[in-house]
Amino acid sequence: MTDASGESAASSRVKILLAEDQGMMRGALALLLGLEDDMEVVAQVSDGEAIVATALDARPDVALLDIELPGRSGLDAAAELRTALPECRVLILTTFGRPGYLRRAMEAGASGFLVKDGPVEELAAAIRRVLAGERVIDPALAAAALSAGPNPLTTRERDVLTASADGATVADIATKLHLSESTVRNYLSSAIGKTSTRNRTEAARTARTHGWL
């Protein structure tokens, strides 16, 4: 039987949702965070589409989200979480420390952005800090984001570049995005110009490198 002090300790733990598609990484993070006396991983997901529904069910205090997930990016899920569960703080934890990703994370309402190569003690400290109302950002990435400038691509330009992956034709993109083929060509041409590249493949590669997609 759990005594009153045990119940109080359990209820005061920080409840964490962990979204990470690599099973080994997800398991290691859950294990390490579970060793913290004041933290508990209450939910784990490997697919971006499952983040919001799982969060609404588990009601975590903090959601640790990877960016590149199957089905849906952690950045898109962060934006929806801000509306669906505003009391849940979002901390982006990613391998890809790209300035464009940081800007998009902040626009989506994330409270923090860290890269995965740091020690778990720093991650635990960051979780406590965002719960205290602070914003936690990797210092080197913050400096890089300031020097890189804003994302030059519009939402539609990003959409057509993303949809052009895997050799999709203009007709394919038009059908997927419910646009005319001429409109798709205009967006692609604009994106190529803004990224100073020669074609849509190079434009998409450059945009991903900067974290604009």
N, C-alpha and C. Protein backbone atom coordinates (compact mmCIF):
# COMPACT_ATOMS: atom_id res chain seq x y z
N MET A 1 0.84 -1.20 0.00
CA MET A 1 0.00 0.00 0.00
C MET A 1 0.87 1.25 0.00
N THR A 2 0.57 2.22 -0.85
CA THR A 2 1.36 3.44 -0.93
C THR A 2 0.93 4.41 0.15
N ASP A 3 1.93 4.91 0.91
CA ASP A 3 1.57 5.86 1.97
C ASP A 3 1.40 7.25 1.38
N ALA A 4 0.99 8.17 2.25
CA ALA A 4 0.69 9.52 1.80
C ALA A 4 1.92 10.20 1.21
N SER A 5 3.09 9.98 1.84
CA SER A 5 4.30 10.61 1.34
C SER A 5 4.68 10.05 -0.02
N GLY A 6 4.45 8.75 -0.23
CA GLY A 6 4.74 8.14 -1.52
C GLY A 6 3.82 8.67 -2.59
N GLU A 7 2.56 8.83 -2.26
CA GLU A 7 1.60 9.37 -3.23
C GLU A 7 1.96 10.80 -3.59
N SER A 8 2.38 11.57 -2.59
CA SER A 8 2.75 12.96 -2.84
C SER A 8 3.95 13.06 -3.75
N ALA A 9 4.96 12.18 -3.52
CA ALA A 9 6.16 12.19 -4.35
C ALA A 9 5.83 11.83 -5.78
N ALA A 10 4.95 10.82 -5.95
CA ALA A 10 4.58 10.38 -7.30
C ALA A 10 3.83 11.48 -8.04
N SER A 11 2.93 12.16 -7.33
CA SER A 11 2.11 13.17 -7.99
C SER A 11 2.92 14.41 -8.35
N SER A 12 4.06 14.62 -7.67
CA SER A 12 4.87 15.80 -7.94
C SER A 12 5.89 15.57 -9.05
N ARG A 13 5.98 14.36 -9.55
CA ARG A 13 6.93 14.08 -10.63
C ARG A 13 6.51 14.77 -11.92
N VAL A 14 7.50 15.17 -12.68
CA VAL A 14 7.26 15.77 -13.99
C VAL A 14 6.89 14.65 -14.96
N LYS A 15 5.72 14.76 -15.57
CA LYS A 15 5.28 13.74 -16.52
C LYS A 15 5.76 14.12 -17.93
N ILE A 16 6.41 13.16 -18.57
CA ILE A 16 7.08 13.44 -19.85
C ILE A 16 6.55 12.53 -20.95
N LEU A 17 6.26 13.13 -22.10
CA LEU A 17 5.98 12.37 -23.31
C LEU A 17 7.23 12.43 -24.19
N LEU A 18 7.62 11.28 -24.71
CA LEU A 18 8.84 11.18 -25.51
C LEU A 18 8.50 10.72 -26.92
N ALA A 19 8.82 11.55 -27.92
CA ALA A 19 8.58 11.20 -29.32
C ALA A 19 9.91 11.06 -30.04
N GLU A 20 10.24 9.83 -30.39
CA GLU A 20 11.53 9.51 -31.02
C GLU A 20 11.35 8.25 -31.84
N ASP A 21 11.74 8.29 -33.12
CA ASP A 21 11.48 7.13 -33.97
C ASP A 21 12.52 6.02 -33.84
N GLN A 22 13.70 6.32 -33.32
CA GLN A 22 14.72 5.29 -33.14
C GLN A 22 14.52 4.61 -31.80
N GLY A 23 14.18 3.32 -31.87
CA GLY A 23 13.82 2.59 -30.66
C GLY A 23 14.90 2.58 -29.60
N MET A 24 16.15 2.40 -30.00
CA MET A 24 17.23 2.35 -29.03
C MET A 24 17.41 3.69 -28.33
N MET A 25 17.36 4.77 -29.11
CA MET A 25 17.49 6.11 -28.53
C MET A 25 16.31 6.41 -27.60
N ARG A 26 15.11 6.05 -28.04
CA ARG A 26 13.91 6.31 -27.23
C ARG A 26 13.99 5.56 -25.90
N GLY A 27 14.40 4.29 -25.97
CA GLY A 27 14.50 3.49 -24.76
C GLY A 27 15.56 4.02 -23.81
N ALA A 28 16.69 4.45 -24.36
CA ALA A 28 17.77 4.97 -23.53
C ALA A 28 17.36 6.27 -22.84
N LEU A 29 16.70 7.15 -23.59
CA LEU A 29 16.25 8.41 -22.99
C LEU A 29 15.22 8.16 -21.90
N ALA A 30 14.29 7.25 -22.17
CA ALA A 30 13.26 6.94 -21.17
C ALA A 30 13.89 6.38 -19.90
N LEU A 31 14.88 5.50 -20.07
CA LEU A 31 15.55 4.89 -18.92
C LEU A 31 16.30 5.95 -18.12
N LEU A 32 17.06 6.78 -18.80
CA LEU A 32 17.87 7.78 -18.12
C LEU A 32 17.02 8.83 -17.42
N LEU A 33 15.97 9.29 -18.08
CA LEU A 33 15.10 10.28 -17.44
C LEU A 33 14.34 9.67 -16.28
N GLY A 34 14.02 8.38 -16.38
CA GLY A 34 13.34 7.69 -15.30
C GLY A 34 14.17 7.56 -14.04
N LEU A 35 15.48 7.71 -14.18
CA LEU A 35 16.37 7.65 -13.01
C LEU A 35 16.35 8.95 -12.21
N GLU A 36 15.81 10.01 -12.83
CA GLU A 36 15.67 11.27 -12.09
C GLU A 36 14.53 11.14 -11.08
N ASP A 37 14.77 11.54 -9.84
CA ASP A 37 13.78 11.36 -8.78
C ASP A 37 12.47 12.08 -9.05
N ASP A 38 12.53 13.19 -9.79
CA ASP A 38 11.34 14.02 -9.98
C ASP A 38 10.73 13.89 -11.37
N MET A 39 11.11 12.84 -12.12
CA MET A 39 10.61 12.71 -13.49
C MET A 39 10.07 11.33 -13.79
N GLU A 40 9.09 11.28 -14.68
CA GLU A 40 8.49 10.02 -15.09
C GLU A 40 8.07 10.12 -16.56
N VAL A 41 8.54 9.18 -17.38
CA VAL A 41 8.13 9.12 -18.78
C VAL A 41 6.80 8.37 -18.83
N VAL A 42 5.73 9.09 -19.10
CA VAL A 42 4.39 8.50 -19.05
C VAL A 42 3.90 8.01 -20.41
N ALA A 43 4.58 8.42 -21.49
CA ALA A 43 4.15 7.99 -22.82
C ALA A 43 5.33 8.07 -23.78
N GLN A 44 5.37 7.12 -24.72
CA GLN A 44 6.39 7.10 -25.76
C GLN A 44 5.73 6.84 -27.10
N VAL A 45 6.14 7.60 -28.12
CA VAL A 45 5.61 7.39 -29.47
C VAL A 45 6.77 7.41 -30.45
N SER A 46 6.58 6.69 -31.56
CA SER A 46 7.62 6.64 -32.60
C SER A 46 7.17 7.29 -33.89
N ASP A 47 5.93 7.78 -33.93
CA ASP A 47 5.34 8.34 -35.13
C ASP A 47 4.78 9.72 -34.83
N GLY A 48 5.08 10.69 -35.69
CA GLY A 48 4.63 12.05 -35.45
C GLY A 48 3.13 12.20 -35.41
N GLU A 49 2.41 11.36 -36.14
CA GLU A 49 0.96 11.44 -36.17
C GLU A 49 0.33 11.10 -34.81
N ALA A 50 1.06 10.38 -33.97
CA ALA A 50 0.50 9.92 -32.69
C ALA A 50 0.73 10.90 -31.55
N ILE A 51 1.50 11.96 -31.78
CA ILE A 51 1.92 12.83 -30.68
C ILE A 51 0.74 13.51 -29.99
N VAL A 52 -0.08 14.20 -30.74
CA VAL A 52 -1.14 15.01 -30.13
C VAL A 52 -2.16 14.13 -29.43
N ALA A 53 -2.63 13.06 -30.08
CA ALA A 53 -3.62 12.18 -29.46
C ALA A 53 -3.07 11.55 -28.19
N THR A 54 -1.82 11.13 -28.22
CA THR A 54 -1.19 10.52 -27.04
C THR A 54 -1.06 11.54 -25.92
N ALA A 55 -0.68 12.76 -26.28
CA ALA A 55 -0.55 13.81 -25.26
C ALA A 55 -1.88 14.13 -24.61
N LEU A 56 -2.94 14.16 -25.39
CA LEU A 56 -4.27 14.44 -24.83
C LEU A 56 -4.70 13.33 -23.88
N ASP A 57 -4.24 12.12 -24.13
CA ASP A 57 -4.59 10.99 -23.25
C ASP A 57 -3.71 10.96 -22.00
N ALA A 58 -2.40 11.18 -22.17
CA ALA A 58 -1.45 11.06 -21.05
C ALA A 58 -1.31 12.34 -20.24
N ARG A 59 -1.66 13.49 -20.82
CA ARG A 59 -1.57 14.80 -20.16
C ARG A 59 -0.18 15.06 -19.57
N PRO A 60 0.86 15.00 -20.40
CA PRO A 60 2.21 15.25 -19.87
C PRO A 60 2.44 16.72 -19.54
N ASP A 61 3.42 16.95 -18.67
CA ASP A 61 3.83 18.32 -18.36
C ASP A 61 4.78 18.83 -19.44
N VAL A 62 5.58 17.92 -20.00
CA VAL A 62 6.57 18.27 -21.02
C VAL A 62 6.54 17.22 -22.12
N ALA A 63 6.61 17.69 -23.37
CA ALA A 63 6.72 16.79 -24.51
C ALA A 63 8.10 16.98 -25.13
N LEU A 64 8.90 15.92 -25.15
CA LEU A 64 10.20 15.94 -25.80
C LEU A 64 10.01 15.40 -27.21
N LEU A 65 10.21 16.24 -28.21
CA LEU A 65 9.89 15.87 -29.58
C LEU A 65 11.11 15.91 -30.48
N ASP A 66 11.33 14.80 -31.19
CA ASP A 66 12.30 14.82 -32.28
C ASP A 66 11.65 15.58 -33.44
N ILE A 67 12.44 16.02 -34.41
CA ILE A 67 11.88 16.74 -35.54
C ILE A 67 11.48 15.80 -36.67
N GLU A 68 12.43 15.01 -37.13
CA GLU A 68 12.19 14.15 -38.29
C GLU A 68 11.59 12.82 -37.84
N LEU A 69 10.28 12.76 -37.89
CA LEU A 69 9.53 11.58 -37.48
C LEU A 69 8.68 11.07 -38.64
N PRO A 70 8.38 9.77 -38.66
CA PRO A 70 7.48 9.26 -39.69
C PRO A 70 6.10 9.89 -39.55
N GLY A 71 5.45 10.14 -40.67
CA GLY A 71 4.08 10.62 -40.64
C GLY A 71 3.94 12.11 -40.50
N ARG A 72 4.65 12.69 -39.55
CA ARG A 72 4.50 14.12 -39.28
C ARG A 72 5.70 14.61 -38.49
N SER A 73 6.17 15.80 -38.80
CA SER A 73 7.35 16.30 -38.10
C SER A 73 6.99 16.76 -36.68
N GLY A 74 7.99 16.74 -35.82
CA GLY A 74 7.80 17.22 -34.46
C GLY A 74 7.46 18.70 -34.42
N LEU A 75 7.92 19.46 -35.41
CA LEU A 75 7.62 20.89 -35.47
C LEU A 75 6.13 21.12 -35.74
N ASP A 76 5.57 20.34 -36.65
CA ASP A 76 4.13 20.47 -36.93
C ASP A 76 3.31 20.06 -35.71
N ALA A 77 3.74 18.99 -35.04
CA ALA A 77 3.02 18.54 -33.85
C ALA A 77 3.12 19.56 -32.72
N ALA A 78 4.26 20.23 -32.62
CA ALA A 78 4.45 21.24 -31.57
C ALA A 78 3.44 22.37 -31.73
N ALA A 79 3.22 22.77 -32.97
CA ALA A 79 2.27 23.86 -33.22
C ALA A 79 0.86 23.46 -32.83
N GLU A 80 0.48 22.21 -33.10
CA GLU A 80 -0.86 21.77 -32.72
C GLU A 80 -0.99 21.58 -31.22
N LEU A 81 0.09 21.10 -30.59
CA LEU A 81 0.06 20.92 -29.13
C LEU A 81 -0.16 22.23 -28.40
N ARG A 82 0.38 23.30 -28.95
CA ARG A 82 0.23 24.61 -28.31
C ARG A 82 -1.24 24.98 -28.17
N THR A 83 -2.04 24.56 -29.16
CA THR A 83 -3.48 24.85 -29.12
C THR A 83 -4.25 23.78 -28.36
N ALA A 84 -3.92 22.50 -28.62
CA ALA A 84 -4.68 21.40 -28.04
C ALA A 84 -4.39 21.19 -26.56
N LEU A 85 -3.16 21.45 -26.13
CA LEU A 85 -2.77 21.20 -24.74
C LEU A 85 -1.79 22.30 -24.31
N PRO A 86 -2.28 23.52 -24.13
CA PRO A 86 -1.39 24.66 -23.88
C PRO A 86 -0.57 24.55 -22.60
N GLU A 87 -1.03 23.75 -21.64
CA GLU A 87 -0.27 23.61 -20.40
C GLU A 87 0.96 22.72 -20.56
N CYS A 88 1.07 22.01 -21.67
CA CYS A 88 2.20 21.13 -21.93
C CYS A 88 3.33 21.92 -22.57
N ARG A 89 4.50 21.92 -21.95
CA ARG A 89 5.66 22.59 -22.53
C ARG A 89 6.29 21.67 -23.57
N VAL A 90 6.78 22.24 -24.65
CA VAL A 90 7.41 21.47 -25.72
C VAL A 90 8.90 21.77 -25.76
N LEU A 91 9.68 20.70 -25.75
CA LEU A 91 11.13 20.81 -25.86
C LEU A 91 11.57 19.99 -27.06
N ILE A 92 12.13 20.64 -28.06
CA ILE A 92 12.61 19.95 -29.25
C ILE A 92 13.99 19.38 -28.96
N LEU A 93 14.16 18.10 -29.24
CA LEU A 93 15.43 17.42 -29.00
C LEU A 93 15.80 16.71 -30.30
N THR A 94 16.84 17.18 -30.97
CA THR A 94 17.11 16.67 -32.31
C THR A 94 18.58 16.47 -32.59
N THR A 95 18.86 15.62 -33.55
CA THR A 95 20.23 15.42 -34.02
C THR A 95 20.65 16.57 -34.92
N PHE A 96 19.67 17.20 -35.56
CA PHE A 96 19.95 18.19 -36.58
C PHE A 96 19.88 19.61 -36.03
N GLY A 97 21.02 20.16 -35.68
CA GLY A 97 21.08 21.51 -35.14
C GLY A 97 21.12 22.54 -36.24
N ARG A 98 19.99 22.72 -36.93
CA ARG A 98 19.94 23.63 -38.06
C ARG A 98 19.23 24.92 -37.67
N PRO A 99 19.81 26.07 -38.03
CA PRO A 99 19.22 27.35 -37.63
C PRO A 99 17.75 27.50 -38.03
N GLY A 100 17.41 27.04 -39.23
CA GLY A 100 16.02 27.16 -39.68
C GLY A 100 15.07 26.37 -38.82
N TYR A 101 15.52 25.21 -38.33
CA TYR A 101 14.68 24.41 -37.44
C TYR A 101 14.41 25.16 -36.14
N LEU A 102 15.43 25.83 -35.63
CA LEU A 102 15.25 26.58 -34.38
C LEU A 102 14.20 27.67 -34.55
N ARG A 103 14.28 28.43 -35.63
CA ARG A 103 13.30 29.49 -35.87
C ARG A 103 11.89 28.92 -35.98
N ARG A 104 11.75 27.81 -36.70
CA ARG A 104 10.44 27.21 -36.86
C ARG A 104 9.92 26.66 -35.53
N ALA A 105 10.81 26.13 -34.71
CA ALA A 105 10.40 25.61 -33.41
C ALA A 105 9.87 26.72 -32.52
N MET A 106 10.53 27.86 -32.52
CA MET A 106 10.09 28.99 -31.71
C MET A 106 8.75 29.52 -32.22
N GLU A 107 8.60 29.57 -33.56
CA GLU A 107 7.33 30.01 -34.13
C GLU A 107 6.19 29.05 -33.77
N ALA A 108 6.53 27.77 -33.60
CA ALA A 108 5.52 26.76 -33.25
C ALA A 108 5.17 26.77 -31.77
N GLY A 109 5.89 27.59 -31.00
CA GLY A 109 5.58 27.69 -29.58
C GLY A 109 6.42 26.81 -28.67
N ALA A 110 7.51 26.25 -29.19
CA ALA A 110 8.37 25.41 -28.35
C ALA A 110 9.05 26.26 -27.27
N SER A 111 9.25 25.65 -26.12
CA SER A 111 9.91 26.34 -25.01
C SER A 111 11.42 26.11 -24.99
N GLY A 112 11.88 25.14 -25.79
CA GLY A 112 13.30 24.85 -25.80
C GLY A 112 13.71 24.08 -27.03
N PHE A 113 15.01 24.12 -27.31
CA PHE A 113 15.57 23.44 -28.48
C PHE A 113 16.98 23.00 -28.12
N LEU A 114 17.19 21.69 -28.08
CA LEU A 114 18.49 21.14 -27.73
C LEU A 114 18.89 20.07 -28.74
N VAL A 115 20.20 19.88 -28.90
CA VAL A 115 20.68 18.79 -29.74
C VAL A 115 20.98 17.59 -28.85
N LYS A 116 20.96 16.40 -29.47
CA LYS A 116 21.00 15.16 -28.70
C LYS A 116 22.38 14.78 -28.15
N ASP A 117 23.42 15.50 -28.53
CA ASP A 117 24.75 15.07 -28.11
C ASP A 117 25.14 15.56 -26.72
N GLY A 118 24.23 16.24 -26.03
CA GLY A 118 24.53 16.71 -24.68
C GLY A 118 24.26 15.65 -23.63
N PRO A 119 24.82 15.79 -22.43
CA PRO A 119 24.58 14.83 -21.35
C PRO A 119 23.15 14.88 -20.84
N VAL A 120 22.68 13.76 -20.31
CA VAL A 120 21.30 13.68 -19.85
C VAL A 120 21.04 14.64 -18.69
N GLU A 121 22.08 14.96 -17.92
CA GLU A 121 21.91 15.92 -16.82
C GLU A 121 21.48 17.29 -17.34
N GLU A 122 22.03 17.67 -18.50
CA GLU A 122 21.64 18.95 -19.09
C GLU A 122 20.20 18.90 -19.59
N LEU A 123 19.80 17.76 -20.12
CA LEU A 123 18.42 17.61 -20.58
C LEU A 123 17.46 17.69 -19.40
N ALA A 124 17.78 17.00 -18.32
CA ALA A 124 16.92 17.05 -17.13
C ALA A 124 16.82 18.47 -16.59
N ALA A 125 17.95 19.17 -16.58
CA ALA A 125 17.94 20.56 -16.11
C ALA A 125 17.10 21.44 -17.03
N ALA A 126 17.18 21.17 -18.34
CA ALA A 126 16.39 21.95 -19.30
C ALA A 126 14.90 21.73 -19.09
N ILE A 127 14.51 20.50 -18.80
CA ILE A 127 13.10 20.18 -18.55
C ILE A 127 12.60 20.98 -17.35
N ARG A 128 13.38 21.01 -16.30
CA ARG A 128 12.98 21.76 -15.10
C ARG A 128 12.90 23.25 -15.39
N ARG A 129 13.80 23.74 -16.22
CA ARG A 129 13.82 25.17 -16.53
C ARG A 129 12.60 25.59 -17.37
N VAL A 130 12.22 24.77 -18.36
CA VAL A 130 11.06 25.15 -19.17
C VAL A 130 9.78 25.08 -18.33
N LEU A 131 9.75 24.16 -17.37
CA LEU A 131 8.59 24.10 -16.49
C LEU A 131 8.51 25.33 -15.59
N ALA A 132 9.66 25.93 -15.33
CA ALA A 132 9.71 27.14 -14.51
C ALA A 132 9.42 28.39 -15.33
N GLY A 133 9.13 28.18 -16.62
CA GLY A 133 8.77 29.32 -17.46
C GLY A 133 9.91 29.89 -18.29
N GLU A 134 11.08 29.26 -18.22
CA GLU A 134 12.22 29.74 -19.00
C GLU A 134 12.18 29.18 -20.42
N ARG A 135 12.93 29.81 -21.30
CA ARG A 135 13.15 29.28 -22.64
C ARG A 135 14.60 28.80 -22.71
N VAL A 136 14.79 27.57 -23.15
CA VAL A 136 16.11 26.95 -23.15
C VAL A 136 16.52 26.63 -24.58
N ILE A 137 17.61 27.24 -25.03
CA ILE A 137 18.07 27.06 -26.41
C ILE A 137 19.57 26.78 -26.39
N ASP A 138 19.98 25.81 -27.20
CA ASP A 138 21.40 25.52 -27.35
C ASP A 138 22.13 26.81 -27.77
N PRO A 139 23.13 27.28 -26.99
CA PRO A 139 23.76 28.58 -27.26
C PRO A 139 24.38 28.70 -28.65
N ALA A 140 25.09 27.66 -29.09
CA ALA A 140 25.74 27.72 -30.40
C ALA A 140 24.71 27.81 -31.51
N LEU A 141 23.61 27.08 -31.34
CA LEU A 141 22.57 27.10 -32.36
C LEU A 141 21.86 28.45 -32.38
N ALA A 142 21.68 29.05 -31.23
CA ALA A 142 21.04 30.37 -31.17
C ALA A 142 21.87 31.40 -31.92
N ALA A 143 23.18 31.35 -31.75
CA ALA A 143 24.07 32.28 -32.45
C ALA A 143 24.02 32.06 -33.96
N ALA A 144 23.99 30.78 -34.35
CA ALA A 144 23.93 30.45 -35.78
C ALA A 144 22.61 30.93 -36.40
N ALA A 145 21.53 30.78 -35.66
CA ALA A 145 20.22 31.19 -36.16
C ALA A 145 20.16 32.70 -36.38
N LEU A 146 20.76 33.45 -35.48
CA LEU A 146 20.76 34.90 -35.61
C LEU A 146 21.54 35.35 -36.84
N SER A 147 22.66 34.66 -37.12
CA SER A 147 23.49 35.06 -38.27
C SER A 147 22.90 34.57 -39.59
N ALA A 148 22.10 33.48 -39.53
CA ALA A 148 21.55 32.90 -40.76
C ALA A 148 20.41 33.70 -41.34
N GLY A 149 19.70 34.44 -40.52
CA GLY A 149 18.56 35.21 -41.01
C GLY A 149 17.31 34.36 -41.12
N PRO A 150 16.19 34.98 -41.49
CA PRO A 150 14.91 34.26 -41.54
C PRO A 150 14.80 33.32 -42.74
N ASN A 151 13.84 32.43 -42.67
CA ASN A 151 13.52 31.52 -43.77
C ASN A 151 12.97 32.34 -44.93
N PRO A 152 13.60 32.29 -46.12
CA PRO A 152 13.12 33.10 -47.24
C PRO A 152 11.92 32.49 -47.97
N LEU A 153 11.62 31.23 -47.68
CA LEU A 153 10.56 30.53 -48.42
C LEU A 153 9.19 30.75 -47.78
N THR A 154 8.20 30.93 -48.63
CA THR A 154 6.83 31.01 -48.13
C THR A 154 6.32 29.61 -47.79
N THR A 155 5.18 29.56 -47.12
CA THR A 155 4.60 28.26 -46.77
C THR A 155 4.34 27.42 -48.00
N ARG A 156 3.79 28.02 -49.06
CA ARG A 156 3.49 27.27 -50.28
C ARG A 156 4.76 26.81 -50.99
N GLU A 157 5.78 27.64 -50.97
CA GLU A 157 7.06 27.23 -51.58
C GLU A 157 7.65 26.05 -50.84
N ARG A 158 7.53 26.05 -49.54
CA ARG A 158 8.00 24.90 -48.76
C ARG A 158 7.17 23.67 -49.08
N ASP A 159 5.86 23.86 -49.23
CA ASP A 159 4.98 22.74 -49.53
C ASP A 159 5.36 22.06 -50.85
N VAL A 160 5.58 22.87 -51.89
CA VAL A 160 5.87 22.27 -53.20
C VAL A 160 7.24 21.62 -53.22
N LEU A 161 8.21 22.18 -52.51
CA LEU A 161 9.52 21.54 -52.44
C LEU A 161 9.44 20.21 -51.70
N THR A 162 8.69 20.19 -50.61
CA THR A 162 8.53 18.95 -49.85
C THR A 162 7.81 17.90 -50.70
N ALA A 163 6.79 18.34 -51.42
CA ALA A 163 6.02 17.40 -52.24
C ALA A 163 6.78 16.93 -53.47
N SER A 164 7.86 17.63 -53.83
CA SER A 164 8.62 17.26 -55.02
C SER A 164 9.64 16.15 -54.75
N ALA A 165 9.71 15.70 -53.51
CA ALA A 165 10.66 14.64 -53.17
C ALA A 165 10.32 13.35 -53.91
N ASP A 166 11.33 12.50 -54.02
CA ASP A 166 11.17 11.17 -54.63
C ASP A 166 10.72 11.24 -56.09
N GLY A 167 11.13 12.29 -56.78
CA GLY A 167 10.88 12.36 -58.21
C GLY A 167 9.45 12.65 -58.62
N ALA A 168 8.65 13.23 -57.74
CA ALA A 168 7.26 13.55 -58.08
C ALA A 168 7.23 14.55 -59.23
N THR A 169 6.30 14.34 -60.15
CA THR A 169 6.16 15.25 -61.28
C THR A 169 5.37 16.49 -60.86
N VAL A 170 5.37 17.49 -61.71
CA VAL A 170 4.58 18.70 -61.45
C VAL A 170 3.11 18.34 -61.32
N ALA A 171 2.66 17.41 -62.18
CA ALA A 171 1.26 16.97 -62.11
C ALA A 171 0.96 16.30 -60.78
N ASP A 172 1.91 15.47 -60.31
CA ASP A 172 1.73 14.80 -59.01
C ASP A 172 1.60 15.82 -57.89
N ILE A 173 2.49 16.81 -57.91
CA ILE A 173 2.48 17.84 -56.87
C ILE A 173 1.18 18.64 -56.91
N ALA A 174 0.76 18.98 -58.12
CA ALA A 174 -0.48 19.75 -58.28
C ALA A 174 -1.67 18.99 -57.71
N THR A 175 -1.73 17.70 -57.99
CA THR A 175 -2.83 16.88 -57.48
C THR A 175 -2.79 16.80 -55.96
N LYS A 176 -1.61 16.57 -55.43
CA LYS A 176 -1.46 16.41 -53.97
C LYS A 176 -1.83 17.69 -53.22
N LEU A 177 -1.44 18.83 -53.76
CA LEU A 177 -1.65 20.10 -53.07
C LEU A 177 -2.88 20.87 -53.54
N HIS A 178 -3.63 20.26 -54.48
CA HIS A 178 -4.84 20.89 -55.01
C HIS A 178 -4.54 22.25 -55.62
N LEU A 179 -3.49 22.29 -56.45
CA LEU A 179 -3.09 23.49 -57.15
C LEU A 179 -3.05 23.21 -58.65
N SER A 180 -3.03 24.26 -59.43
CA SER A 180 -2.86 24.06 -60.87
C SER A 180 -1.38 23.80 -61.15
N GLU A 181 -1.09 23.18 -62.29
CA GLU A 181 0.29 22.88 -62.63
C GLU A 181 1.09 24.15 -62.85
N SER A 182 0.47 25.16 -63.43
CA SER A 182 1.19 26.42 -63.64
C SER A 182 1.55 27.09 -62.32
N THR A 183 0.66 26.97 -61.34
CA THR A 183 0.94 27.54 -60.02
C THR A 183 2.09 26.80 -59.35
N VAL A 184 2.11 25.48 -59.48
CA VAL A 184 3.20 24.69 -58.92
C VAL A 184 4.53 25.10 -59.56
N ARG A 185 4.54 25.27 -60.88
CA ARG A 185 5.77 25.68 -61.56
C ARG A 185 6.24 27.05 -61.06
N ASN A 186 5.31 27.95 -60.84
CA ASN A 186 5.67 29.28 -60.34
C ASN A 186 6.30 29.20 -58.95
N TYR A 187 5.71 28.39 -58.07
CA TYR A 187 6.26 28.24 -56.72
C TYR A 187 7.65 27.60 -56.76
N LEU A 188 7.81 26.58 -57.61
CA LEU A 188 9.10 25.92 -57.73
C LEU A 188 10.15 26.89 -58.27
N SER A 189 9.79 27.66 -59.27
CA SER A 189 10.72 28.64 -59.84
C SER A 189 11.13 29.68 -58.80
N SER A 190 10.16 30.13 -58.02
CA SER A 190 10.46 31.11 -56.97
C SER A 190 11.38 30.52 -55.91
N ALA A 191 11.12 29.28 -55.51
CA ALA A 191 11.95 28.62 -54.50
C ALA A 191 13.37 28.41 -55.00
N ILE A 192 13.50 28.04 -56.27
CA ILE A 192 14.83 27.86 -56.86
C ILE A 192 15.60 29.18 -56.86
N GLY A 193 14.91 30.25 -57.20
CA GLY A 193 15.55 31.56 -57.19
C GLY A 193 16.00 31.99 -55.81
N LYS A 194 15.14 31.78 -54.83
CA LYS A 194 15.44 32.21 -53.46
C LYS A 194 16.58 31.40 -52.84
N THR A 195 16.74 30.16 -53.27
CA THR A 195 17.82 29.32 -52.72
C THR A 195 19.08 29.38 -53.58
N SER A 196 19.04 30.17 -54.65
CA SER A 196 20.19 30.34 -55.55
C SER A 196 20.70 29.01 -56.07
N THR A 197 19.76 28.16 -56.48
CA THR A 197 20.11 26.84 -56.99
C THR A 197 19.67 26.71 -58.45
N ARG A 198 20.00 25.57 -59.06
CA ARG A 198 19.74 25.40 -60.50
C ARG A 198 18.45 24.64 -60.80
N ASN A 199 17.96 23.88 -59.84
CA ASN A 199 16.76 23.09 -60.10
C ASN A 199 16.08 22.77 -58.77
N ARG A 200 14.92 22.12 -58.85
CA ARG A 200 14.15 21.89 -57.63
C ARG A 200 14.81 20.89 -56.70
N THR A 201 15.58 19.95 -57.26
CA THR A 201 16.30 18.98 -56.42
C THR A 201 17.32 19.69 -55.55
N GLU A 202 18.11 20.58 -56.18
CA GLU A 202 19.09 21.35 -55.43
C GLU A 202 18.41 22.30 -54.45
N ALA A 203 17.29 22.86 -54.86
CA ALA A 203 16.56 23.79 -53.98
C ALA A 203 16.09 23.07 -52.72
N ALA A 204 15.54 21.86 -52.90
CA ALA A 204 15.06 21.09 -51.75
C ALA A 204 16.22 20.70 -50.84
N ARG A 205 17.35 20.32 -51.44
CA ARG A 205 18.51 19.93 -50.65
C ARG A 205 19.03 21.11 -49.83
N THR A 206 19.12 22.27 -50.47
CA THR A 206 19.60 23.46 -49.77
C THR A 206 18.64 23.86 -48.66
N ALA A 207 17.35 23.79 -48.94
CA ALA A 207 16.35 24.16 -47.94
C ALA A 207 16.42 23.23 -46.73
N ARG A 208 16.63 21.94 -46.98
CA ARG A 208 16.73 20.99 -45.86
C ARG A 208 17.99 21.23 -45.04
N THR A 209 19.08 21.52 -45.73
CA THR A 209 20.34 21.78 -45.04
C THR A 209 20.22 22.96 -44.07
N HIS A 210 19.45 23.96 -44.48
CA HIS A 210 19.25 25.14 -43.62
C HIS A 210 18.12 24.96 -42.61
N GLY A 211 17.40 23.85 -42.72
CA GLY A 211 16.28 23.64 -41.81
C GLY A 211 15.04 24.42 -42.19
N TRP A 212 14.91 24.79 -43.48
CA TRP A 212 13.76 25.56 -43.93
C TRP A 212 12.56 24.66 -44.25
N LEU A 213 12.80 23.37 -44.43
CA LEU A 213 11.71 22.44 -44.72
C LEU A 213 11.41 21.58 -43.50
